[in-house]
């Protein structure tokens, strides 16, 4: 958007700052999580990492999302006192933000950069996270 609007600004992507104990993305929303909820709050990150691992192996979008859903189901079973509701998990072209087709895979998609993102409600608290798959510099090339 900055490029298209000819804004004289520079967009820099930086790594998400994560808790050193459970890798949960740091956010003021984390204060709303009780002890039980905090135990499974890293579910979204684990689901994204499972999808990333499969993507790196050449899996399709559908296979990656299936792995994410498995992580979510395992977390629900492990801590039934916590309500987990998936808002979304999505694989998108990092430059255009267009959704990848279900059949798109790393092998087909090639070296283009992909944004893997998601949102999960943990006892009503909406947690968001994302991973950039591929070369971040690619996003800003002409």
Protein backbone atom coordinates (compact mmCIF):
# COMPACT_ATOMS: atom_id res chain seq x y z
CA UNK A 1 0.00 0.00 0.00
CA UNK A 2 2.84 2.38 0.85
CA UNK A 3 4.36 1.73 -2.57
CA UNK A 4 1.08 2.10 -4.48
CA UNK A 5 0.17 5.35 -2.72
CA UNK A 6 3.70 6.69 -3.31
CA UNK A 7 4.15 7.35 0.40
CA UNK A 8 7.59 8.55 1.39
CA UNK A 9 7.87 5.95 4.10
CA UNK A 10 9.75 2.73 4.56
CA UNK A 11 8.01 -0.44 5.68
CA UNK A 12 10.17 -2.79 7.69
CA UNK A 13 9.22 -6.28 8.74
CA UNK A 14 10.56 -7.30 12.12
CA UNK A 15 10.22 -10.58 13.97
CA UNK A 16 7.33 -10.97 16.39
CA UNK A 17 8.47 -10.59 19.98
CA UNK A 18 7.54 -13.76 21.85
CA UNK A 19 7.43 -14.86 25.47
CA UNK A 20 10.61 -16.76 26.29
CA UNK A 21 8.71 -19.51 28.11
CA UNK A 22 5.83 -20.44 25.81
CA UNK A 23 6.56 -18.51 22.56
CA UNK A 24 3.23 -16.68 22.80
CA UNK A 25 3.33 -13.42 20.85
CA UNK A 26 3.59 -10.58 23.35
CA UNK A 27 0.38 -8.56 23.55
CA UNK A 28 -1.57 -6.61 26.14
CA UNK A 29 -4.42 -9.05 25.42
CA UNK A 30 -2.43 -11.80 27.16
CA UNK A 31 -3.35 -10.17 30.48
CA UNK A 32 -6.93 -11.36 29.96
CA UNK A 33 -5.83 -15.01 30.03
CA UNK A 34 -6.19 -16.96 33.26
CA UNK A 35 -3.67 -19.66 34.18
CA UNK A 36 -5.56 -22.46 32.39
CA UNK A 37 -6.03 -20.37 29.26
CA UNK A 38 -2.38 -19.38 29.26
CA UNK A 39 -1.46 -23.09 29.20
CA UNK A 40 -3.03 -23.47 25.75
CA UNK A 41 -2.68 -19.91 24.43
CA UNK A 42 0.29 -20.95 22.31
CA UNK A 43 -2.00 -23.26 20.30
CA UNK A 44 -2.26 -20.80 17.42
CA UNK A 45 1.52 -20.48 17.16
CA UNK A 46 1.94 -24.27 17.29
CA UNK A 47 -0.74 -24.64 14.60
CA UNK A 48 1.04 -22.13 12.38
CA UNK A 49 4.39 -23.87 12.93
CA UNK A 50 2.84 -27.24 11.99
CA UNK A 51 1.55 -25.71 8.76
CA UNK A 52 4.91 -24.07 8.10
CA UNK A 53 6.71 -27.38 8.49
CA UNK A 54 4.47 -29.06 5.94
CA UNK A 55 4.67 -26.09 3.55
CA UNK A 56 8.47 -26.34 3.66
CA UNK A 57 8.11 -30.00 2.66
CA UNK A 58 6.01 -29.08 -0.40
CA UNK A 59 2.55 -29.82 1.03
CA UNK A 60 -0.61 -28.21 -0.35
CA UNK A 61 -2.48 -25.41 1.37
CA UNK A 62 -5.23 -27.88 2.31
CA UNK A 63 -2.70 -30.25 3.93
CA UNK A 64 -1.13 -27.38 5.87
CA UNK A 65 -4.49 -26.20 7.18
CA UNK A 66 -5.42 -29.76 8.13
CA UNK A 67 -2.26 -29.98 10.27
CA UNK A 68 -3.23 -26.70 11.93
CA UNK A 69 -6.68 -28.01 12.74
CA UNK A 70 -5.17 -31.14 14.28
CA UNK A 71 -3.15 -28.95 16.67
CA UNK A 72 -6.30 -27.10 17.64
CA UNK A 73 -8.23 -30.31 18.31
CA UNK A 74 -5.38 -31.69 20.43
CA UNK A 75 -5.31 -28.51 22.52
CA UNK A 76 -9.08 -28.65 23.03
CA UNK A 77 -8.78 -32.23 24.28
CA UNK A 78 -5.83 -31.41 26.54
CA UNK A 79 -7.56 -28.53 28.34
CA UNK A 80 -11.36 -28.95 28.15
CA UNK A 81 -11.93 -26.17 30.72
CA UNK A 82 -10.70 -23.60 28.18
CA UNK A 83 -12.86 -22.54 25.25
CA UNK A 84 -10.89 -22.43 22.00
CA UNK A 85 -12.59 -21.09 18.91
CA UNK A 86 -10.68 -20.69 15.68
CA UNK A 87 -11.44 -17.43 13.90
CA UNK A 88 -9.25 -18.20 10.88
CA UNK A 89 -5.99 -19.62 9.58
CA UNK A 90 -5.02 -18.45 6.14
CA UNK A 91 -2.24 -18.81 3.58
CA UNK A 92 -1.94 -15.75 1.35
CA UNK A 93 0.45 -14.35 -1.21
CA UNK A 94 2.57 -12.01 0.90
CA UNK A 95 2.73 -9.33 -1.77
CA UNK A 96 -0.89 -9.23 -2.96
CA UNK A 97 -2.60 -10.83 0.07
CA UNK A 98 -4.66 -12.94 -2.32
CA UNK A 99 -5.66 -16.27 -0.80
CA UNK A 100 -3.82 -19.29 -2.15
CA UNK A 101 -5.92 -21.95 -3.83
CA UNK A 102 -6.42 -25.15 -1.81
CA UNK A 103 -4.22 -27.03 -4.25
CA UNK A 104 -1.37 -24.48 -4.16
CA UNK A 105 1.75 -25.98 -2.64
CA UNK A 106 5.32 -24.87 -2.11
CA UNK A 107 6.36 -26.99 -5.08
CA UNK A 108 3.79 -25.23 -7.30
CA UNK A 109 4.02 -21.80 -5.71
CA UNK A 110 7.78 -21.73 -6.06
CA UNK A 111 9.87 -19.16 -4.28
CA UNK A 112 7.09 -16.60 -3.85
CA UNK A 113 6.68 -15.45 -0.28
CA UNK A 114 3.62 -16.56 1.65
CA UNK A 115 1.92 -15.05 4.69
CA UNK A 116 0.57 -17.64 7.11
CA UNK A 117 -1.72 -15.95 9.62
CA UNK A 118 -4.43 -16.77 12.07
CA UNK A 119 -6.66 -15.69 14.93
CA UNK A 120 -7.86 -17.83 17.81
CA UNK A 121 -10.28 -16.96 20.59
CA UNK A 122 -9.09 -18.33 23.92
CA UNK A 123 -11.89 -17.95 26.48
CA UNK A 124 -13.11 -15.04 24.38
CA UNK A 125 -9.73 -13.29 24.10
CA UNK A 126 -8.76 -12.92 20.44
CA UNK A 127 -5.12 -13.81 19.87
CA UNK A 128 -3.50 -13.18 16.49
CA UNK A 129 -0.24 -14.41 15.03
CA UNK A 130 1.54 -14.82 11.71
CA UNK A 131 4.59 -16.31 10.06
CA UNK A 132 6.24 -15.23 6.84
CA UNK A 133 7.21 -18.23 4.76
CA UNK A 134 10.02 -17.54 2.33
CA UNK A 135 12.14 -14.49 1.68
CA UNK A 136 10.79 -11.37 3.37
CA UNK A 137 12.73 -9.11 1.01
CA UNK A 138 10.69 -10.53 -1.89
CA UNK A 139 7.59 -8.70 -0.66
CA UNK A 140 9.09 -5.31 -1.47
CA UNK A 141 10.75 -6.06 -4.79
CA UNK A 142 9.34 -4.29 -7.84
